[in-house]
Amino acid sequence: MRINFLLPGILITLVWILVKLIQFFRKGREISYKDACADTLFFASILFIISKTMFPLDIGSMTSISPSPNINLVPFVTIQQQLSHSYYLVPLRNIGGNILLFIPLGFIVSLKYQWLSSLGKVILFGVGLSLIIETIQIPLNMRSFDVDDLLLNGVGTIVGYGLQKLFRVEKFYYRTLSN
């Protein structure tokens, strides 16, 4: 049986909305606009990453569990193979996609969590999340663990962080949107 992301995505979103409603009523209905925006963007970023890296998921079929997982621990091997592909959309989709996937996370994470305000911490967070995802993918037959994905996701995290700093979103976020 193949599970696409729609049903799990709806369930995860409903749970998230329930948690946010509980927080809203516990805080005496005082949640700032900036916190609501940051929470929503962070949640959407994580949900998007999960939808692209973990789904579709095969359950109960002979191909759902791989007896010998596809693992690449040598940096730049997959990137080099993709760049040498004769059709330009292959590297664009795979390399560009891995970078683009983590740009929103790098953009929002230091706004949401002040303890993650330095570039080094944001990179560790992005690469750490990528490592968790890649590790979960090891037993899944349709997915693989690739160190190049960690590198590209890290680049995406750096780009997102850089864009946030470039456009001085942090100043706007803390001054303009504060209650």
C-alpha atoms as a PDB file:
ATOM      1  CA  MET A   1       0.000   0.000   0.000  1.00  0.00           C
ATOM      2  CA  ARG A   2       1.343   3.428  -0.949  1.00  0.00           C
ATOM      3  CA  ILE A   3       0.716   6.329   1.411  1.00  0.00           C
ATOM      4  CA  ASN A   4       0.927   9.798  -0.084  1.00  0.00           C
ATOM      5  CA  PHE A   5       1.394  12.866   2.076  1.00  0.00           C
ATOM      6  CA  LEU A   6      -2.149  14.259   1.967  1.00  0.00           C
ATOM      7  CA  LEU A   7      -3.697  12.260   4.838  1.00  0.00           C
ATOM      8  CA  PRO A   8      -0.678  12.377   7.191  1.00  0.00           C
ATOM      9  CA  GLY A   9      -0.259  16.071   6.349  1.00  0.00           C
ATOM     10  CA  ILE A  10      -3.861  16.813   7.267  1.00  0.00           C
ATOM     11  CA  LEU A  11      -3.559  14.842  10.527  1.00  0.00           C
ATOM     12  CA  ILE A  12      -0.297  16.563  11.486  1.00  0.00           C
ATOM     13  CA  THR A  13      -1.825  19.962  10.700  1.00  0.00           C
ATOM     14  CA  LEU A  14      -4.920  19.217  12.804  1.00  0.00           C
ATOM     15  CA  VAL A  15      -2.739  18.205  15.765  1.00  0.00           C
ATOM     16  CA  TRP A  16      -0.676  21.379  15.316  1.00  0.00           C
ATOM     17  CA  ILE A  17      -3.826  23.531  15.248  1.00  0.00           C
ATOM     18  CA  LEU A  18      -5.078  21.794  18.406  1.00  0.00           C
ATOM     19  CA  VAL A  19      -1.764  22.464  20.188  1.00  0.00           C
ATOM     20  CA  LYS A  20      -1.853  26.123  19.104  1.00  0.00           C
ATOM     21  CA  LEU A  21      -5.454  26.486  20.344  1.00  0.00           C
ATOM     22  CA  ILE A  22      -4.504  25.004  23.715  1.00  0.00           C
ATOM     23  CA  GLN A  23      -1.575  27.439  23.936  1.00  0.00           C
ATOM     24  CA  PHE A  24      -3.877  30.300  22.961  1.00  0.00           C
ATOM     25  CA  PHE A  25      -6.361  29.557  25.733  1.00  0.00           C
ATOM     26  CA  ARG A  26      -3.656  28.849  28.334  1.00  0.00           C
ATOM     27  CA  LYS A  27      -1.936  32.172  27.668  1.00  0.00           C
ATOM     28  CA  GLY A  28      -5.158  34.077  28.234  1.00  0.00           C
ATOM     29  CA  ARG A  29      -5.645  34.684  24.516  1.00  0.00           C
ATOM     30  CA  GLU A  30      -2.472  36.730  24.289  1.00  0.00           C
ATOM     31  CA  ILE A  31      -0.332  35.470  21.457  1.00  0.00           C
ATOM     32  CA  SER A  32       1.552  38.063  19.478  1.00  0.00           C
ATOM     33  CA  TYR A  33       1.224  38.386  15.736  1.00  0.00           C
ATOM     34  CA  LYS A  34       4.969  37.872  15.276  1.00  0.00           C
ATOM     35  CA  ASP A  35       4.944  34.637  17.276  1.00  0.00           C
ATOM     36  CA  ALA A  36       1.962  33.348  15.312  1.00  0.00           C
ATOM     37  CA  CYS A  37       3.708  34.189  12.017  1.00  0.00           C
ATOM     38  CA  ALA A  38       6.995  32.602  13.095  1.00  0.00           C
ATOM     39  CA  ASP A  39       5.246  29.472  14.378  1.00  0.00           C
ATOM     40  CA  THR A  40       3.249  29.110  11.174  1.00  0.00           C
ATOM     41  CA  LEU A  41       6.264  29.616   8.899  1.00  0.00           C
ATOM     42  CA  PHE A  42       8.376  27.200  10.948  1.00  0.00           C
ATOM     43  CA  PHE A  43       5.626  24.573  10.939  1.00  0.00           C
ATOM     44  CA  ALA A  44       5.045  24.977   7.197  1.00  0.00           C
ATOM     45  CA  SER A  45       8.784  24.660   6.547  1.00  0.00           C
ATOM     46  CA  ILE A  46       9.083  21.420   8.540  1.00  0.00           C
ATOM     47  CA  LEU A  47       5.896  20.031   6.980  1.00  0.00           C
ATOM     48  CA  PHE A  48       7.178  20.812   3.480  1.00  0.00           C
ATOM     49  CA  ILE A  49      10.518  19.119   4.212  1.00  0.00           C
ATOM     50  CA  ILE A  50       8.740  15.999   5.507  1.00  0.00           C
ATOM     51  CA  SER A  51       6.419  15.913   2.489  1.00  0.00           C
ATOM     52  CA  LYS A  52       9.335  15.971   0.043  1.00  0.00           C
ATOM     53  CA  THR A  53      11.734  13.644   1.873  1.00  0.00           C
ATOM     54  CA  MET A  54       9.559  10.928   3.406  1.00  0.00           C
ATOM     55  CA  PHE A  55       6.628  10.488   1.009  1.00  0.00           C
ATOM     56  CA  PRO A  56       5.239   8.601  -0.811  1.00  0.00           C
ATOM     57  CA  LEU A  57       5.727   5.736   1.614  1.00  0.00           C
ATOM     58  CA  ASP A  58       5.200   2.078   0.730  1.00  0.00           C
ATOM     59  CA  ILE A  59       3.755   0.015   3.584  1.00  0.00           C
ATOM     60  CA  GLY A  60       3.359  -3.742   3.642  1.00  0.00           C
ATOM     61  CA  SER A  61       4.827  -4.465   0.228  1.00  0.00           C
ATOM     62  CA  MET A  62       7.899  -6.520  -0.515  1.00  0.00           C
ATOM     63  CA  THR A  63       9.670  -3.358  -1.659  1.00  0.00           C
ATOM     64  CA  SER A  64       8.910  -1.317   1.468  1.00  0.00           C
ATOM     65  CA  ILE A  65      11.956  -2.516   3.428  1.00  0.00           C
ATOM     66  CA  SER A  66      15.324  -2.705   1.766  1.00  0.00           C
ATOM     67  CA  PRO A  67      17.579  -5.623   2.781  1.00  0.00           C
ATOM     68  CA  SER A  68      20.613  -3.610   1.619  1.00  0.00           C
ATOM     69  CA  PRO A  69      20.025   0.115   1.969  1.00  0.00           C
ATOM     70  CA  ASN A  70      21.516   2.551  -0.531  1.00  0.00           C
ATOM     71  CA  ILE A  71      24.099   4.569   1.436  1.00  0.00           C
ATOM     72  CA  ASN A  72      26.635   7.088   0.103  1.00  0.00           C
ATOM     73  CA  LEU A  73      29.160   8.350   2.660  1.00  0.00           C
ATOM     74  CA  VAL A  74      31.636   9.836   0.163  1.00  0.00           C
ATOM     75  CA  PRO A  75      31.124  13.594  -0.272  1.00  0.00           C
ATOM     76  CA  PHE A  76      30.474  15.038  -3.741  1.00  0.00           C
ATOM     77  CA  VAL A  77      30.060  11.649  -5.500  1.00  0.00           C
ATOM     78  CA  THR A  78      26.336  12.049  -6.135  1.00  0.00           C
ATOM     79  CA  ILE A  79      26.712  15.756  -6.908  1.00  0.00           C
ATOM     80  CA  GLN A  80      29.404  14.983  -9.495  1.00  0.00           C
ATOM     81  CA  GLN A  81      27.289  12.225 -11.065  1.00  0.00           C
ATOM     82  CA  GLN A  82      24.296  14.527 -11.305  1.00  0.00           C
ATOM     83  CA  LEU A  83      26.305  17.419 -12.765  1.00  0.00           C
ATOM     84  CA  SER A  84      27.673  15.133 -15.482  1.00  0.00           C
ATOM     85  CA  HIS A  85      24.183  13.958 -16.453  1.00  0.00           C
ATOM     86  CA  SER A  86      23.336  14.766 -20.068  1.00  0.00           C
ATOM     87  CA  TYR A  87      19.893  16.155 -19.240  1.00  0.00           C
ATOM     88  CA  TYR A  88      20.134  19.509 -17.428  1.00  0.00           C
ATOM     89  CA  LEU A  89      16.960  19.034 -15.374  1.00  0.00           C
ATOM     90  CA  VAL A  90      18.446  16.129 -13.389  1.00  0.00           C
ATOM     91  CA  PRO A  91      21.060  18.231 -11.539  1.00  0.00           C
ATOM     92  CA  LEU A  92      18.723  21.202 -11.404  1.00  0.00           C
ATOM     93  CA  ARG A  93      15.993  19.139  -9.745  1.00  0.00           C
ATOM     94  CA  ASN A  94      18.192  17.121  -7.389  1.00  0.00           C
ATOM     95  CA  ILE A  95      20.891  19.609  -6.417  1.00  0.00           C
ATOM     96  CA  GLY A  96      18.687  22.695  -6.615  1.00  0.00           C
ATOM     97  CA  GLY A  97      15.831  20.911  -4.885  1.00  0.00           C
ATOM     98  CA  ASN A  98      17.974  19.890  -1.909  1.00  0.00           C
ATOM     99  CA  ILE A  99      19.192  23.465  -1.508  1.00  0.00           C
ATOM    100  CA  LEU A 100      15.752  25.076  -1.969  1.00  0.00           C
ATOM    101  CA  LEU A 101      14.165  22.654   0.482  1.00  0.00           C
ATOM    102  CA  PHE A 102      16.088  24.067   3.452  1.00  0.00           C
ATOM    103  CA  ILE A 103      16.127  27.788   2.567  1.00  0.00           C
ATOM    104  CA  PRO A 104      12.851  28.523   4.439  1.00  0.00           C
ATOM    105  CA  LEU A 105      14.171  26.693   7.508  1.00  0.00           C
ATOM    106  CA  GLY A 106      17.407  28.706   7.532  1.00  0.00           C
ATOM    107  CA  PHE A 107      15.381  31.877   7.100  1.00  0.00           C
ATOM    108  CA  ILE A 108      12.948  31.372   9.966  1.00  0.00           C
ATOM    109  CA  VAL A 109      14.771  29.289  12.592  1.00  0.00           C
ATOM    110  CA  SER A 110      16.881  32.096  14.092  1.00  0.00           C
ATOM    111  CA  LEU A 111      13.830  34.359  14.242  1.00  0.00           C
ATOM    112  CA  LYS A 112      11.773  31.757  16.039  1.00  0.00           C
ATOM    113  CA  TYR A 113      14.493  30.629  18.436  1.00  0.00           C
ATOM    114  CA  GLN A 114      16.816  33.382  19.665  1.00  0.00           C
ATOM    115  CA  TRP A 115      19.255  30.793  21.030  1.00  0.00           C
ATOM    116  CA  LEU A 116      19.824  29.831  17.375  1.00  0.00           C
ATOM    117  CA  SER A 117      20.824  33.335  16.308  1.00  0.00           C
ATOM    118  CA  SER A 118      24.365  32.587  15.101  1.00  0.00           C
ATOM    119  CA  LEU A 119      25.176  31.134  11.692  1.00  0.00           C
ATOM    120  CA  GLY A 120      26.994  28.162  13.227  1.00  0.00           C
ATOM    121  CA  LYS A 121      24.011  27.156  15.338  1.00  0.00           C
ATOM    122  CA  VAL A 122      21.622  27.551  12.410  1.00  0.00           C
ATOM    123  CA  ILE A 123      23.875  25.348  10.251  1.00  0.00           C
ATOM    124  CA  LEU A 124      24.032  22.708  13.001  1.00  0.00           C
ATOM    125  CA  PHE A 125      20.247  22.794  13.301  1.00  0.00           C
ATOM    126  CA  GLY A 126      19.712  22.439   9.538  1.00  0.00           C
ATOM    127  CA  VAL A 127      22.326  19.719   9.050  1.00  0.00           C
ATOM    128  CA  GLY A 128      21.103  17.960  12.212  1.00  0.00           C
ATOM    129  CA  LEU A 129      17.540  17.878  10.897  1.00  0.00           C
ATOM    130  CA  SER A 130      18.845  16.659   7.546  1.00  0.00           C
ATOM    131  CA  LEU A 131      20.842  13.911   9.310  1.00  0.00           C
ATOM    132  CA  ILE A 132      17.726  12.758  11.164  1.00  0.00           C
ATOM    133  CA  ILE A 133      15.782  12.613   7.890  1.00  0.00           C
ATOM    134  CA  GLU A 134      18.572  10.785   6.049  1.00  0.00           C
ATOM    135  CA  THR A 135      18.874   8.263   8.906  1.00  0.00           C
ATOM    136  CA  ILE A 136      15.129   7.600   8.873  1.00  0.00           C
ATOM    137  CA  GLN A 137      15.376   7.002   5.122  1.00  0.00           C
ATOM    138  CA  ILE A 138      17.933   4.168   5.478  1.00  0.00           C
ATOM    139  CA  PRO A 139      15.400   1.322   5.882  1.00  0.00           C
ATOM    140  CA  LEU A 140      13.003   2.777   3.300  1.00  0.00           C
ATOM    141  CA  ASN A 141      13.528   1.145  -0.083  1.00  0.00           C
ATOM    142  CA  MET A 142      12.432   4.171  -2.105  1.00  0.00           C
ATOM    143  CA  ARG A 143      14.916   6.462  -0.328  1.00  0.00           C
ATOM    144  CA  SER A 144      18.640   6.523   0.391  1.00  0.00           C
ATOM    145  CA  PHE A 145      21.146   8.004   2.825  1.00  0.00           C
ATOM    146  CA  ASP A 146      23.437  10.392   0.958  1.00  0.00           C
ATOM    147  CA  VAL A 147      26.036  12.630   2.589  1.00  0.00           C
ATOM    148  CA  ASP A 148      25.663  14.992  -0.376  1.00  0.00           C
ATOM    149  CA  ASP A 149      22.081  15.654   0.734  1.00  0.00           C
ATOM    150  CA  LEU A 150      23.448  16.776   4.114  1.00  0.00           C
ATOM    151  CA  LEU A 151      25.863  19.152   2.369  1.00  0.00           C
ATOM    152  CA  LEU A 152      23.220  20.576   0.024  1.00  0.00           C
ATOM    153  CA  ASN A 153      20.647  20.948   2.807  1.00  0.00           C
ATOM    154  CA  GLY A 154      23.332  22.749   4.825  1.00  0.00           C
ATOM    155  CA  VAL A 155      23.931  25.115   1.897  1.00  0.00           C
ATOM    156  CA  GLY A 156      20.184  25.774   1.738  1.00  0.00           C
ATOM    157  CA  THR A 157      20.130  26.548   5.449  1.00  0.00           C
ATOM    158  CA  ILE A 158      23.033  28.988   4.999  1.00  0.00           C
ATOM    159  CA  VAL A 159      21.309  30.688   2.050  1.00  0.00           C
ATOM    160  CA  GLY A 160      18.086  31.092   4.065  1.00  0.00           C
ATOM    161  CA  TYR A 161      19.974  32.536   7.027  1.00  0.00           C
ATOM    162  CA  GLY A 162      21.896  34.847   4.689  1.00  0.00           C
ATOM    163  CA  LEU A 163      18.712  36.090   3.014  1.00  0.00           C
ATOM    164  CA  GLN A 164      17.178  36.856   6.389  1.00  0.00           C
ATOM    165  CA  LYS A 165      20.268  38.849   7.395  1.00  0.00           C
ATOM    166  CA  LEU A 166      20.556  40.530   3.979  1.00  0.00           C
ATOM    167  CA  PHE A 167      17.018  41.867   4.093  1.00  0.00           C
ATOM    168  CA  ARG A 168      17.316  42.720   7.807  1.00  0.00           C
ATOM    169  CA  VAL A 169      14.180  40.781   8.570  1.00  0.00           C
ATOM    170  CA  GLU A 170      15.354  40.374  12.157  1.00  0.00           C
ATOM    171  CA  LYS A 171      15.119  44.129  12.858  1.00  0.00           C
ATOM    172  CA  PHE A 172      11.648  44.298  11.326  1.00  0.00           C
ATOM    173  CA  TYR A 173      10.580  41.195  13.221  1.00  0.00           C
ATOM    174  CA  TYR A 174      11.716  42.359  16.651  1.00  0.00           C
ATOM    175  CA  ARG A 175      10.823  46.054  16.342  1.00  0.00           C
ATOM    176  CA  THR A 176       7.828  46.402  14.046  1.00  0.00           C
ATOM    177  CA  LEU A 177       5.886  43.297  14.974  1.00  0.00           C
ATOM    178  CA  SER A 178       6.479  43.415  18.714  1.00  0.00           C
ATOM    179  CA  ASN A 179       3.423  43.942  20.867  1.00  0.00           C
END
